[in-house]
PDB file of N, CA and C in Angstrom:
ATOM      1  N   MET A   1     136.525 231.776 127.926  1.00  0.00           N
ATOM      2  CA  MET A   1     137.264 232.026 129.372  1.00  0.00           C
ATOM      3  C   MET A   1     138.432 231.302 129.231  1.00  0.00           C
ATOM      4  N   LYS A   2     139.601 231.920 129.673  1.00  0.00           N
ATOM      5  CA  LYS A   2     140.994 231.337 129.924  1.00  0.00           C
ATOM      6  C   LYS A   2     141.076 231.051 131.256  1.00  0.00           C
ATOM      7  N   VAL A   3     141.250 230.046 131.763  1.00  0.00           N
ATOM      8  CA  VAL A   3     141.825 229.696 133.115  1.00  0.00           C
ATOM      9  C   VAL A   3     143.149 229.139 133.295  1.00  0.00           C
ATOM     10  N   GLN A   4     143.900 229.704 134.281  1.00  0.00           N
ATOM     11  CA  GLN A   4     145.312 229.370 134.332  1.00  0.00           C
ATOM     12  C   GLN A   4     145.731 229.269 135.550  1.00  0.00           C
ATOM     13  N   ALA A   5     146.450 228.240 136.166  1.00  0.00           N
ATOM     14  CA  ALA A   5     147.082 228.420 137.644  1.00  0.00           C
ATOM     15  C   ALA A   5     148.564 227.896 137.446  1.00  0.00           C
ATOM     16  N   SER A   6     149.376 228.608 138.000  1.00  0.00           N
ATOM     17  CA  SER A   6     150.638 228.227 137.797  1.00  0.00           C
ATOM     18  C   SER A   6     151.068 227.820 139.432  1.00  0.00           C
ATOM     19  N   GLY A   7     152.107 227.018 139.527  1.00  0.00           N
ATOM     20  CA  GLY A   7     152.477 226.779 140.919  1.00  0.00           C
ATOM     21  C   GLY A   7     151.871 225.864 141.749  1.00  0.00           C
ATOM     22  N   VAL A   8     150.931 225.211 141.201  1.00  0.00           N
ATOM     23  CA  VAL A   8     150.016 224.027 141.698  1.00  0.00           C
ATOM     24  C   VAL A   8     150.916 223.219 142.256  1.00  0.00           C
ATOM     25  N   ARG A   9     150.827 222.714 143.606  1.00  0.00           N
ATOM     26  CA  ARG A   9     151.488 221.976 144.106  1.00  0.00           C
ATOM     27  C   ARG A   9     150.662 220.718 144.929  1.00  0.00           C
ATOM     28  N   GLU A  10     151.328 219.716 145.043  1.00  0.00           N
ATOM     29  CA  GLU A  10     150.442 218.590 145.746  1.00  0.00           C
ATOM     30  C   GLU A  10     149.541 218.897 146.928  1.00  0.00           C
ATOM     31  N   GLN A  11     149.929 219.761 147.879  1.00  0.00           N
ATOM     32  CA  GLN A  11     149.257 220.137 148.889  1.00  0.00           C
ATOM     33  C   GLN A  11     147.961 221.079 148.615  1.00  0.00           C
ATOM     34  N   ASP A  12     148.021 221.648 147.304  1.00  0.00           N
ATOM     35  CA  ASP A  12     146.908 222.262 146.711  1.00  0.00           C
ATOM     36  C   ASP A  12     145.761 221.255 146.294  1.00  0.00           C
ATOM     37  N   ILE A  13     146.278 220.187 145.551  1.00  0.00           N
ATOM     38  CA  ILE A  13     145.381 219.426 145.004  1.00  0.00           C
ATOM     39  C   ILE A  13     144.821 218.442 146.273  1.00  0.00           C
ATOM     40  N   ASP A  14     145.631 218.336 147.280  1.00  0.00           N
ATOM     41  CA  ASP A  14     144.792 217.644 148.504  1.00  0.00           C
ATOM     42  C   ASP A  14     143.698 218.334 149.177  1.00  0.00           C
ATOM     43  N   LEU A  15     143.940 219.494 149.132  1.00  0.00           N
ATOM     44  CA  LEU A  15     143.069 220.580 149.877  1.00  0.00           C
ATOM     45  C   LEU A  15     141.732 220.614 148.999  1.00  0.00           C
ATOM     46  N   LEU A  16     142.241 220.719 147.778  1.00  0.00           N
ATOM     47  CA  LEU A  16     140.844 220.790 146.746  1.00  0.00           C
ATOM     48  C   LEU A  16     139.873 219.542 147.012  1.00  0.00           C
ATOM     49  N   HIS A  17     140.628 218.434 146.944  1.00  0.00           N
ATOM     50  CA  HIS A  17     139.763 217.189 146.886  1.00  0.00           C
ATOM     51  C   HIS A  17     139.121 216.919 148.396  1.00  0.00           C
ATOM     52  N   TRP A  18     139.958 217.311 149.462  1.00  0.00           N
ATOM     53  CA  TRP A  18     139.413 217.197 150.766  1.00  0.00           C
ATOM     54  C   TRP A  18     138.082 218.352 150.829  1.00  0.00           C
ATOM     55  N   GLU A  19     138.291 219.073 150.429  1.00  0.00           N
ATOM     56  CA  GLU A  19     136.904 220.121 150.557  1.00  0.00           C
ATOM     57  C   GLU A  19     135.976 219.572 149.803  1.00  0.00           C
ATOM     58  N   GLU A  20     136.090 218.982 148.471  1.00  0.00           N
ATOM     59  CA  GLU A  20     134.939 218.303 147.769  1.00  0.00           C
ATOM     60  C   GLU A  20     134.459 217.148 148.372  1.00  0.00           C
ATOM     61  N   PHE A  21     135.136 216.401 148.961  1.00  0.00           N
ATOM     62  CA  PHE A  21     134.870 215.019 149.765  1.00  0.00           C
ATOM     63  C   PHE A  21     133.917 215.331 151.002  1.00  0.00           C
ATOM     64  N   VAL A  22     134.300 216.511 151.632  1.00  0.00           N
ATOM     65  CA  VAL A  22     133.470 217.360 152.857  1.00  0.00           C
ATOM     66  C   VAL A  22     132.310 217.854 152.470  1.00  0.00           C
ATOM     67  N   THR A  23     132.239 218.397 151.257  1.00  0.00           N
ATOM     68  CA  THR A  23     130.961 219.505 150.981  1.00  0.00           C
ATOM     69  C   THR A  23     130.057 218.950 150.023  1.00  0.00           C
ATOM     70  N   SER A  24     130.478 217.936 149.236  1.00  0.00           N
ATOM     71  CA  SER A  24     129.867 217.615 148.148  1.00  0.00           C
ATOM     72  C   SER A  24     129.660 216.005 148.112  1.00  0.00           C
ATOM     73  N   PRO A  25     128.120 215.610 148.619  1.00  0.00           N
ATOM     74  CA  PRO A  25     128.212 214.275 148.691  1.00  0.00           C
ATOM     75  C   PRO A  25     127.961 213.548 147.291  1.00  0.00           C
ATOM     76  N   ALA A  26     127.698 214.369 146.057  1.00  0.00           N
ATOM     77  CA  ALA A  26     127.703 213.828 144.856  1.00  0.00           C
ATOM     78  C   ALA A  26     129.127 213.418 144.305  1.00  0.00           C
ATOM     79  N   PHE A  27     130.068 214.303 144.839  1.00  0.00           N
ATOM     80  CA  PHE A  27     131.465 214.171 144.394  1.00  0.00           C
ATOM     81  C   PHE A  27     131.776 212.891 145.054  1.00  0.00           C
ATOM     82  N   LEU A  28     131.638 212.723 146.550  1.00  0.00           N
ATOM     83  CA  LEU A  28     132.062 211.498 147.179  1.00  0.00           C
ATOM     84  C   LEU A  28     131.433 210.154 146.505  1.00  0.00           C
ATOM     85  N   THR A  29     130.416 210.349 146.331  1.00  0.00           N
ATOM     86  CA  THR A  29     129.812 209.019 145.701  1.00  0.00           C
ATOM     87  C   THR A  29     130.287 208.699 144.211  1.00  0.00           C
ATOM     88  N   TRP A  30     130.526 209.686 143.752  1.00  0.00           N
ATOM     89  CA  TRP A  30     131.384 209.473 142.465  1.00  0.00           C
ATOM     90  C   TRP A  30     132.653 208.725 142.726  1.00  0.00           C
ATOM     91  N   PHE A  31     133.309 209.485 143.243  1.00  0.00           N
ATOM     92  CA  PHE A  31     134.503 209.067 143.613  1.00  0.00           C
ATOM     93  C   PHE A  31     134.542 207.630 144.155  1.00  0.00           C
ATOM     94  N   LEU A  32     133.760 207.242 145.140  1.00  0.00           N
ATOM     95  CA  LEU A  32     133.923 205.911 145.592  1.00  0.00           C
ATOM     96  C   LEU A  32     133.357 204.870 144.843  1.00  0.00           C
ATOM     97  N   GLU A  33     132.512 205.337 143.834  1.00  0.00           N
ATOM     98  CA  GLU A  33     132.113 204.328 142.612  1.00  0.00           C
ATOM     99  C   GLU A  33     133.186 204.079 141.817  1.00  0.00           C
ATOM    100  N   GLU A  34     134.035 205.298 141.262  1.00  0.00           N
ATOM    101  CA  GLU A  34     134.994 205.285 140.520  1.00  0.00           C
ATOM    102  C   GLU A  34     136.304 204.274 141.097  1.00  0.00           C
ATOM    103  N   ALA A  35     136.224 204.224 142.376  1.00  0.00           N
ATOM    104  CA  ALA A  35     137.471 203.552 143.427  1.00  0.00           C
ATOM    105  C   ALA A  35     137.015 202.272 143.365  1.00  0.00           C
ATOM    106  N   GLY A  36     135.852 202.076 143.091  1.00  0.00           N
ATOM    107  CA  GLY A  36     135.413 200.430 143.340  1.00  0.00           C
ATOM    108  C   GLY A  36     135.139 200.248 144.880  1.00  0.00           C
ATOM    109  N   VAL A  37     134.734 201.211 145.629  1.00  0.00           N
ATOM    110  CA  VAL A  37     134.493 200.850 147.144  1.00  0.00           C
ATOM    111  C   VAL A  37     133.025 200.248 146.972  1.00  0.00           C
ATOM    112  N   PRO A  38     133.157 199.216 147.754  1.00  0.00           N
ATOM    113  CA  PRO A  38     131.723 198.509 147.604  1.00  0.00           C
ATOM    114  C   PRO A  38     130.592 199.228 148.376  1.00  0.00           C
ATOM    115  N   ASN A  39     131.066 199.666 149.763  1.00  0.00           N
ATOM    116  CA  ASN A  39     130.207 199.863 150.978  1.00  0.00           C
ATOM    117  C   ASN A  39     130.287 201.467 150.771  1.00  0.00           C
ATOM    118  N   ARG A  40     129.488 201.849 149.861  1.00  0.00           N
ATOM    119  CA  ARG A  40     129.271 203.592 149.477  1.00  0.00           C
ATOM    120  C   ARG A  40     128.491 204.067 150.907  1.00  0.00           C
ATOM    121  N   GLY A  41     128.677 205.146 151.456  1.00  0.00           N
ATOM    122  CA  GLY A  41     127.718 205.340 152.498  1.00  0.00           C
ATOM    123  C   GLY A  41     127.922 206.903 152.892  1.00  0.00           C
ATOM    124  N   ASP A  42     128.043 207.235 154.117  1.00  0.00           N
ATOM    125  CA  ASP A  42     128.018 208.445 154.672  1.00  0.00           C
ATOM    126  C   ASP A  42     129.448 208.820 155.029  1.00  0.00           C
ATOM    127  N   LEU A  43     130.003 209.813 154.871  1.00  0.00           N
ATOM    128  CA  LEU A  43     131.293 210.207 155.243  1.00  0.00           C
ATOM    129  C   LEU A  43     131.391 210.525 156.875  1.00  0.00           C
ATOM    130  N   VAL A  44     132.150 209.793 157.442  1.00  0.00           N
ATOM    131  CA  VAL A  44     132.316 209.844 158.936  1.00  0.00           C
ATOM    132  C   VAL A  44     133.675 210.848 159.337  1.00  0.00           C
ATOM    133  N   SER A  45     134.556 210.881 158.421  1.00  0.00           N
ATOM    134  CA  SER A  45     135.842 211.663 158.714  1.00  0.00           C
ATOM    135  C   SER A  45     136.506 211.944 157.605  1.00  0.00           C
ATOM    136  N   ALA A  46     137.032 212.870 157.380  1.00  0.00           N
ATOM    137  CA  ALA A  46     137.974 213.205 156.140  1.00  0.00           C
ATOM    138  C   ALA A  46     139.056 213.863 156.783  1.00  0.00           C
ATOM    139  N   ALA A  47     140.483 213.687 156.481  1.00  0.00           N
ATOM    140  CA  ALA A  47     141.729 214.276 157.212  1.00  0.00           C
ATOM    141  C   ALA A  47     142.787 214.396 156.094  1.00  0.00           C
ATOM    142  N   ARG A  48     143.592 215.380 156.336  1.00  0.00           N
ATOM    143  CA  ARG A  48     144.651 215.704 155.140  1.00  0.00           C
ATOM    144  C   ARG A  48     145.944 215.772 155.908  1.00  0.00           C
ATOM    145  N   SER A  49     147.124 215.005 155.284  1.00  0.00           N
ATOM    146  CA  SER A  49     148.284 215.141 155.725  1.00  0.00           C
ATOM    147  C   SER A  49     148.439 214.721 156.980  1.00  0.00           C
ATOM    148  N   VAL A  50     147.886 213.415 157.114  1.00  0.00           N
ATOM    149  CA  VAL A  50     147.982 212.426 158.461  1.00  0.00           C
ATOM    150  C   VAL A  50     149.328 211.972 158.679  1.00  0.00           C
ATOM    151  N   THR A  51     149.911 212.488 159.675  1.00  0.00           N
ATOM    152  CA  THR A  51     151.588 211.882 160.086  1.00  0.00           C
ATOM    153  C   THR A  51     151.225 210.931 161.060  1.00  0.00           C
ATOM    154  N   ALA A  52     152.125 209.854 160.904  1.00  0.00           N
ATOM    155  CA  ALA A  52     152.329 208.764 161.743  1.00  0.00           C
ATOM    156  C   ALA A  52     153.695 208.521 162.013  1.00  0.00           C
ATOM    157  N   VAL A  53     154.073 207.672 162.913  1.00  0.00           N
ATOM    158  CA  VAL A  53     155.673 207.148 163.063  1.00  0.00           C
ATOM    159  C   VAL A  53     156.276 206.574 161.909  1.00  0.00           C
ATOM    160  N   ASN A  54     155.170 205.986 161.029  1.00  0.00           N
ATOM    161  CA  ASN A  54     156.009 205.276 159.900  1.00  0.00           C
ATOM    162  C   ASN A  54     155.779 206.196 158.476  1.00  0.00           C
ATOM    163  N   GLY A  55     155.321 207.154 158.534  1.00  0.00           N
ATOM    164  CA  GLY A  55     154.957 207.785 157.201  1.00  0.00           C
ATOM    165  C   GLY A  55     153.990 209.066 157.407  1.00  0.00           C
ATOM    166  N   GLU A  56     153.271 209.193 156.143  1.00  0.00           N
ATOM    167  CA  GLU A  56     152.399 210.249 156.232  1.00  0.00           C
ATOM    168  C   GLU A  56     151.217 209.980 155.103  1.00  0.00           C
ATOM    169  N   SER A  57     150.110 210.134 154.961  1.00  0.00           N
ATOM    170  CA  SER A  57     149.116 209.830 154.102  1.00  0.00           C
ATOM    171  C   SER A  57     148.603 211.179 153.505  1.00  0.00           C
ATOM    172  N   ASP A  58     148.191 211.385 152.373  1.00  0.00           N
ATOM    173  CA  ASP A  58     147.965 212.742 151.947  1.00  0.00           C
ATOM    174  C   ASP A  58     146.346 212.885 152.325  1.00  0.00           C
ATOM    175  N   LEU A  59     145.671 212.045 152.055  1.00  0.00           N
ATOM    176  CA  LEU A  59     144.091 211.901 152.543  1.00  0.00           C
ATOM    177  C   LEU A  59     143.541 210.753 153.038  1.00  0.00           C
ATOM    178  N   GLU A  60     143.062 210.795 153.875  1.00  0.00           N
ATOM    179  CA  GLU A  60     142.175 209.666 154.663  1.00  0.00           C
ATOM    180  C   GLU A  60     140.786 210.001 154.764  1.00  0.00           C
ATOM    181  N   LEU A  61     139.838 208.868 154.277  1.00  0.00           N
ATOM    182  CA  LEU A  61     138.447 209.121 154.291  1.00  0.00           C
ATOM    183  C   LEU A  61     137.844 208.101 154.991  1.00  0.00           C
ATOM    184  N   GLU A  62     136.873 208.168 156.087  1.00  0.00           N
ATOM    185  CA  GLU A  62     136.289 206.928 156.491  1.00  0.00           C
ATOM    186  C   GLU A  62     134.642 207.267 156.274  1.00  0.00           C
ATOM    187  N   VAL A  63     134.114 206.225 155.912  1.00  0.00           N
ATOM    188  CA  VAL A  63     132.896 206.038 155.119  1.00  0.00           C
ATOM    189  C   VAL A  63     131.897 204.763 155.903  1.00  0.00           C
ATOM    190  N   ARG A  64     130.953 205.139 156.327  1.00  0.00           N
ATOM    191  CA  ARG A  64     130.239 204.348 156.940  1.00  0.00           C
ATOM    192  C   ARG A  64     128.979 203.872 156.307  1.00  0.00           C
ATOM    193  N   ALA A  65     128.576 202.513 155.754  1.00  0.00           N
ATOM    194  CA  ALA A  65     127.547 202.234 155.335  1.00  0.00           C
ATOM    195  C   ALA A  65     126.934 201.010 156.141  1.00  0.00           C
ATOM    196  N   ALA A  66     125.848 201.366 156.566  1.00  0.00           N
ATOM    197  CA  ALA A  66     125.181 200.375 157.787  1.00  0.00           C
ATOM    198  C   ALA A  66     126.032 200.177 158.830  1.00  0.00           C
ATOM    199  N   SER A  67     126.569 199.247 159.544  1.00  0.00           N
ATOM    200  CA  SER A  67     127.494 199.230 160.652  1.00  0.00           C
ATOM    201  C   SER A  67     128.961 199.041 160.318  1.00  0.00           C
ATOM    202  N   VAL A  68     129.311 199.206 158.835  1.00  0.00           N
ATOM    203  CA  VAL A  68     130.535 198.921 158.213  1.00  0.00           C
ATOM    204  C   VAL A  68     131.287 200.257 158.140  1.00  0.00           C
ATOM    205  N   ILE A  69     132.378 200.480 158.648  1.00  0.00           N
ATOM    206  CA  ILE A  69     133.191 201.662 158.335  1.00  0.00           C
ATOM    207  C   ILE A  69     134.440 200.987 157.501  1.00  0.00           C
ATOM    208  N   THR A  70     134.428 202.096 156.210  1.00  0.00           N
ATOM    209  CA  THR A  70     135.716 201.597 155.454  1.00  0.00           C
ATOM    210  C   THR A  70     136.597 202.726 155.258  1.00  0.00           C
ATOM    211  N   LYS A  71     137.774 202.753 155.376  1.00  0.00           N
ATOM    212  CA  LYS A  71     138.634 203.792 155.528  1.00  0.00           C
ATOM    213  C   LYS A  71     139.568 203.490 154.083  1.00  0.00           C
ATOM    214  N   ILE A  72     139.679 204.709 153.524  1.00  0.00           N
ATOM    215  CA  ILE A  72     140.202 205.101 152.156  1.00  0.00           C
ATOM    216  C   ILE A  72     141.478 205.853 152.417  1.00  0.00           C
ATOM    217  N   LEU A  73     142.641 205.450 151.894  1.00  0.00           N
ATOM    218  CA  LEU A  73     143.773 206.152 151.789  1.00  0.00           C
ATOM    219  C   LEU A  73     143.959 206.580 150.376  1.00  0.00           C
ATOM    220  N   ILE A  74     144.140 207.800 150.353  1.00  0.00           N
ATOM    221  CA  ILE A  74     144.359 208.739 149.115  1.00  0.00           C
ATOM    222  C   ILE A  74     145.779 209.160 148.961  1.00  0.00           C
ATOM    223  N   GLU A  75     146.378 208.591 147.921  1.00  0.00           N
ATOM    224  CA  GLU A  75     147.968 209.011 147.874  1.00  0.00           C
ATOM    225  C   GLU A  75     148.375 209.641 146.463  1.00  0.00           C
ATOM    226  N   ASN A  76     148.922 210.689 146.280  1.00  0.00           N
ATOM    227  CA  ASN A  76     149.025 211.259 145.176  1.00  0.00           C
ATOM    228  C   ASN A  76     150.616 211.531 145.170  1.00  0.00           C
ATOM    229  N   LYS A  77     151.287 211.484 143.915  1.00  0.00           N
ATOM    230  CA  LYS A  77     152.606 211.604 143.457  1.00  0.00           C
ATOM    231  C   LYS A  77     153.131 212.767 142.544  1.00  0.00           C
ATOM    232  N   ILE A  78     152.235 214.117 142.753  1.00  0.00           N
ATOM    233  CA  ILE A  78     152.524 215.088 141.988  1.00  0.00           C
ATOM    234  C   ILE A  78     153.670 215.621 141.840  1.00  0.00           C
ATOM    235  N   ASP A  79     154.345 215.941 143.114  1.00  0.00           N
ATOM    236  CA  ASP A  79     155.707 216.193 143.106  1.00  0.00           C
ATOM    237  C   ASP A  79     156.466 215.526 144.085  1.00  0.00           C
ATOM    238  N   ALA A  80     156.399 214.308 144.073  1.00  0.00           N
ATOM    239  CA  ALA A  80     157.247 213.552 144.998  1.00  0.00           C
ATOM    240  C   ALA A  80     157.451 211.993 144.466  1.00  0.00           C
ATOM    241  N   PRO A  81     158.657 211.497 144.739  1.00  0.00           N
ATOM    242  CA  PRO A  81     158.812 210.252 144.246  1.00  0.00           C
ATOM    243  C   PRO A  81     157.878 209.059 144.846  1.00  0.00           C
ATOM    244  N   LEU A  82     157.837 207.958 144.245  1.00  0.00           N
ATOM    245  CA  LEU A  82     157.339 206.749 144.897  1.00  0.00           C
ATOM    246  C   LEU A  82     158.167 206.435 146.060  1.00  0.00           C
ATOM    247  N   GLN A  83     157.416 205.883 147.283  1.00  0.00           N
ATOM    248  CA  GLN A  83     158.212 205.581 148.380  1.00  0.00           C
ATOM    249  C   GLN A  83     158.192 204.104 148.459  1.00  0.00           C
ATOM    250  N   ARG A  84     159.447 203.667 148.698  1.00  0.00           N
ATOM    251  CA  ARG A  84     159.448 202.253 148.634  1.00  0.00           C
ATOM    252  C   ARG A  84     158.664 201.760 150.142  1.00  0.00           C
ATOM    253  N   LEU A  85     157.723 200.740 149.890  1.00  0.00           N
ATOM    254  CA  LEU A  85     157.057 199.871 150.777  1.00  0.00           C
ATOM    255  C   LEU A  85     156.072 200.766 151.321  1.00  0.00           C
ATOM    256  N   GLN A  86     155.655 201.646 150.532  1.00  0.00           N
ATOM    257  CA  GLN A  86     154.598 202.588 150.882  1.00  0.00           C
ATOM    258  C   GLN A  86     153.203 201.943 151.455  1.00  0.00           C
ATOM    259  N   ALA A  87     152.706 201.020 150.393  1.00  0.00           N
ATOM    260  CA  ALA A  87     151.743 200.388 150.857  1.00  0.00           C
ATOM    261  C   ALA A  87     151.528 199.433 151.770  1.00  0.00           C
ATOM    262  N   ALA A  88     152.777 198.738 152.307  1.00  0.00           N
ATOM    263  CA  ALA A  88     152.926 198.029 153.072  1.00  0.00           C
ATOM    264  C   ALA A  88     152.971 198.540 154.694  1.00  0.00           C
ATOM    265  N   ARG A  89     153.449 200.054 154.535  1.00  0.00           N
ATOM    266  CA  ARG A  89     153.575 200.639 155.794  1.00  0.00           C
ATOM    267  C   ARG A  89     152.077 201.090 156.025  1.00  0.00           C
ATOM    268  N   TYR A  90     151.269 201.250 155.054  1.00  0.00           N
ATOM    269  CA  TYR A  90     149.851 201.573 155.293  1.00  0.00           C
ATOM    270  C   TYR A  90     148.988 200.539 156.063  1.00  0.00           C
ATOM    271  N   ARG A  91     149.414 199.166 155.881  1.00  0.00           N
ATOM    272  CA  ARG A  91     148.756 198.151 156.420  1.00  0.00           C
ATOM    273  C   ARG A  91     149.413 197.819 157.693  1.00  0.00           C
ATOM    274  N   ASP A  92     150.397 198.554 158.092  1.00  0.00           N
ATOM    275  CA  ASP A  92     151.174 198.028 159.292  1.00  0.00           C
ATOM    276  C   ASP A  92     150.274 198.535 160.663  1.00  0.00           C
ATOM    277  N   PRO A  93     149.665 197.809 161.671  1.00  0.00           N
ATOM    278  CA  PRO A  93     148.934 198.308 162.335  1.00  0.00           C
ATOM    279  C   PRO A  93     149.350 199.361 163.303  1.00  0.00           C
ATOM    280  N   ARG A  94     150.927 199.530 163.470  1.00  0.00           N
ATOM    281  CA  ARG A  94     151.440 200.303 164.335  1.00  0.00           C
ATOM    282  C   ARG A  94     151.519 201.706 163.753  1.00  0.00           C
ATOM    283  N   GLY A  95     151.231 201.844 162.294  1.00  0.00           N
ATOM    284  CA  GLY A  95     151.485 202.924 161.541  1.00  0.00           C
ATOM    285  C   GLY A  95     150.289 203.967 161.564  1.00  0.00           C
ATOM    286  N   ILE A  96     149.854 204.238 160.397  1.00  0.00           N
ATOM    287  CA  ILE A  96     149.046 205.425 160.194  1.00  0.00           C
ATOM    288  C   ILE A  96     147.705 205.218 160.730  1.00  0.00           C
ATOM    289  N   ARG A  97     147.125 204.215 160.827  1.00  0.00           N
ATOM    290  CA  ARG A  97     145.759 203.886 161.181  1.00  0.00           C
ATOM    291  C   ARG A  97     145.863 203.857 162.785  1.00  0.00           C
ATOM    292  N   ALA A  98     146.966 203.542 163.271  1.00  0.00           N
ATOM    293  CA  ALA A  98     147.014 203.703 164.861  1.00  0.00           C
ATOM    294  C   ALA A  98     147.386 204.914 165.418  1.00  0.00           C
ATOM    295  N   ALA A  99     147.938 205.801 164.596  1.00  0.00           N
ATOM    296  CA  ALA A  99     148.153 206.987 164.972  1.00  0.00           C
ATOM    297  C   ALA A  99     147.103 208.147 165.184  1.00  0.00           C
ATOM    298  N   ARG A 100     145.937 207.877 164.894  1.00  0.00           N
ATOM    299  CA  ARG A 100     144.855 208.932 164.675  1.00  0.00           C
ATOM    300  C   ARG A 100     144.312 208.989 166.053  1.00  0.00           C
TER     301      ARG A 100
END
């Protein structure tokens, strides 16, 4: 079988991952283990293309284990340059987290 996909863009990859996180607990568990997230648990929310006053995140996951909620921000750079101070903007309480 030959499989080919041309013209794949960042938003396509984001949507594919979003769908897998939402529909496949096994994929979510595998991803969290690979990412080193210590509190693996149930998916509380999954959002794609979250925009805030200071930027946008590609994917945001919230996972609950016991009473702890861990927020995971996923950023890819398929067809976009690295953004100066992007990690600092994600930690800014006025930013992406506050915009939800």
